[in-house]
Amino acid sequence: MSDLATEILALRQWVHIGHHIPGRIRLKFNSAIVAKLARYKTEHTLEQAIQFAPLKRYQLNSDTNSLLLEYDPSVIKPALLDQLFDTDQAQALQACASLIATLSPIYHAGA
């Protein structure tokens, strides 16, 4: 498993899907994740991520502990996002690997 997949899967314990329709997902997070993410420049990372073509827009709401992401559902398959945040670790691992495999070429092409 790659380091990226390990980090993504580790964050699952603090994040769950609040609402999801194809192209738009609201992730709810436990405030304990803030300490975990303190080492990252979260706002800067989100600004960079939005430059990535499959991601269209984000809205971070610290009052409701949620992150709204709008994405291109023809590139990022909605079912993979559902599986990524599913309670089944094996399904989450498979979804994470599929997402990384799908998005890596797009990311590297734009870099």
Protein backbone atom coordinates (compact mmCIF):
# COMPACT_ATOMS: atom_id res chain seq x y z
CA MET A 1 0.00 0.00 0.00
CA SER A 2 1.35 3.43 -0.91
CA ASP A 3 2.02 6.15 1.66
CA LEU A 4 -0.79 8.22 0.15
CA ALA A 5 -3.28 5.37 0.51
CA THR A 6 -2.16 4.78 4.10
CA GLU A 7 -2.71 8.44 4.99
CA ILE A 8 -6.09 8.61 3.25
CA LEU A 9 -7.31 5.46 4.97
CA ALA A 10 -6.06 6.68 8.35
CA LEU A 11 -8.23 9.80 8.06
CA ARG A 12 -11.39 7.71 7.62
CA GLN A 13 -11.78 7.27 11.37
CA TRP A 14 -12.61 10.97 11.72
CA VAL A 15 -14.61 11.50 8.50
CA HIS A 16 -17.95 10.27 7.22
CA ILE A 17 -20.26 11.20 4.37
CA GLY A 18 -22.93 13.65 5.42
CA HIS A 19 -24.60 13.76 2.02
CA HIS A 20 -23.64 12.55 -1.43
CA ILE A 21 -25.12 12.97 -4.86
CA PRO A 22 -23.01 12.41 -7.99
CA GLY A 23 -20.77 15.45 -8.39
CA ARG A 24 -21.27 16.77 -4.87
CA ILE A 25 -20.22 15.26 -1.55
CA ARG A 26 -20.36 16.70 1.95
CA LEU A 27 -17.84 15.19 4.31
CA LYS A 28 -18.50 15.60 8.01
CA PHE A 29 -15.50 15.41 10.28
CA ASN A 30 -14.87 15.01 13.96
CA SER A 31 -13.06 17.98 15.48
CA ALA A 32 -10.26 15.59 16.56
CA ILE A 33 -9.08 15.57 12.95
CA VAL A 34 -8.06 19.22 13.29
CA ALA A 35 -5.14 18.21 15.49
CA LYS A 36 -4.18 15.49 13.02
CA LEU A 37 -4.25 17.96 10.12
CA ALA A 38 -2.45 20.73 12.00
CA ARG A 39 0.83 19.74 10.36
CA TYR A 40 -0.68 20.36 6.92
CA LYS A 41 -1.54 23.73 5.47
CA THR A 42 -5.12 22.63 4.90
CA GLU A 43 -6.43 25.78 3.22
CA HIS A 44 -3.39 25.94 0.92
CA THR A 45 -3.77 22.23 0.11
CA LEU A 46 -7.44 22.72 -0.75
CA GLU A 47 -6.59 25.70 -2.96
CA GLN A 48 -4.05 23.56 -4.82
CA ALA A 49 -6.47 20.64 -5.07
CA ILE A 50 -9.14 22.80 -6.68
CA GLN A 51 -6.69 23.47 -9.53
CA PHE A 52 -6.94 19.74 -10.24
CA ALA A 53 -9.45 19.43 -13.10
CA PRO A 54 -11.76 16.74 -11.60
CA LEU A 55 -12.34 18.96 -8.53
CA LYS A 56 -14.55 21.93 -9.27
CA ARG A 57 -15.17 23.72 -5.98
CA TYR A 58 -14.89 23.27 -2.25
CA GLN A 59 -16.39 24.92 0.78
CA LEU A 60 -14.97 24.34 4.25
CA ASN A 61 -17.39 25.09 7.07
CA SER A 62 -15.72 25.01 10.47
CA ASP A 63 -19.02 25.80 12.24
CA THR A 64 -20.56 22.53 11.05
CA ASN A 65 -17.28 20.59 10.79
CA SER A 66 -17.92 19.80 7.15
CA LEU A 67 -16.26 20.02 3.77
CA LEU A 68 -18.34 20.28 0.63
CA LEU A 69 -16.59 19.09 -2.53
CA GLU A 70 -17.93 19.41 -6.04
CA TYR A 71 -16.26 17.06 -8.49
CA ASP A 72 -16.58 15.70 -12.00
CA PRO A 73 -18.53 12.42 -11.64
CA SER A 74 -17.42 11.26 -15.09
CA VAL A 75 -13.84 11.15 -13.79
CA ILE A 76 -14.31 10.41 -10.08
CA LYS A 77 -16.85 7.62 -9.84
CA PRO A 78 -19.36 8.38 -7.05
CA ALA A 79 -19.52 4.71 -6.01
CA LEU A 80 -15.79 4.76 -5.25
CA LEU A 81 -16.24 7.69 -2.88
CA ASP A 82 -19.05 5.83 -1.12
CA GLN A 83 -16.83 2.76 -0.80
CA LEU A 84 -13.89 4.83 0.43
CA PHE A 85 -15.89 6.02 3.41
CA ASP A 86 -17.67 2.70 3.98
CA THR A 87 -17.03 0.92 7.26
CA ASP A 88 -15.61 -2.12 5.46
CA GLN A 89 -11.81 -1.70 5.46
CA ALA A 90 -11.27 -4.02 2.48
CA GLN A 91 -13.75 -2.09 0.32
CA ALA A 92 -12.20 1.20 1.41
CA LEU A 93 -8.73 -0.04 0.50
CA GLN A 94 -9.91 -1.21 -2.92
CA ALA A 95 -11.71 2.10 -3.57
CA CYS A 96 -8.66 4.09 -2.48
CA ALA A 97 -6.39 2.11 -4.82
CA SER A 98 -8.85 2.59 -7.70
CA LEU A 99 -9.11 6.33 -7.09
CA ILE A 100 -5.33 6.74 -6.94
CA ALA A 101 -4.91 4.69 -10.13
CA THR A 102 -7.56 6.75 -11.92
CA LEU A 103 -6.43 10.17 -10.74
CA SER A 104 -2.64 9.82 -10.78
CA PRO A 105 -2.26 10.07 -14.57
CA ILE A 106 -4.55 13.12 -14.65
CA TYR A 107 -2.62 14.79 -11.81
CA HIS A 108 0.78 14.08 -13.34
CA ALA A 109 -0.37 15.28 -16.77
CA GLY A 110 -1.37 18.61 -15.25
CA ALA A 111 1.80 19.02 -13.18
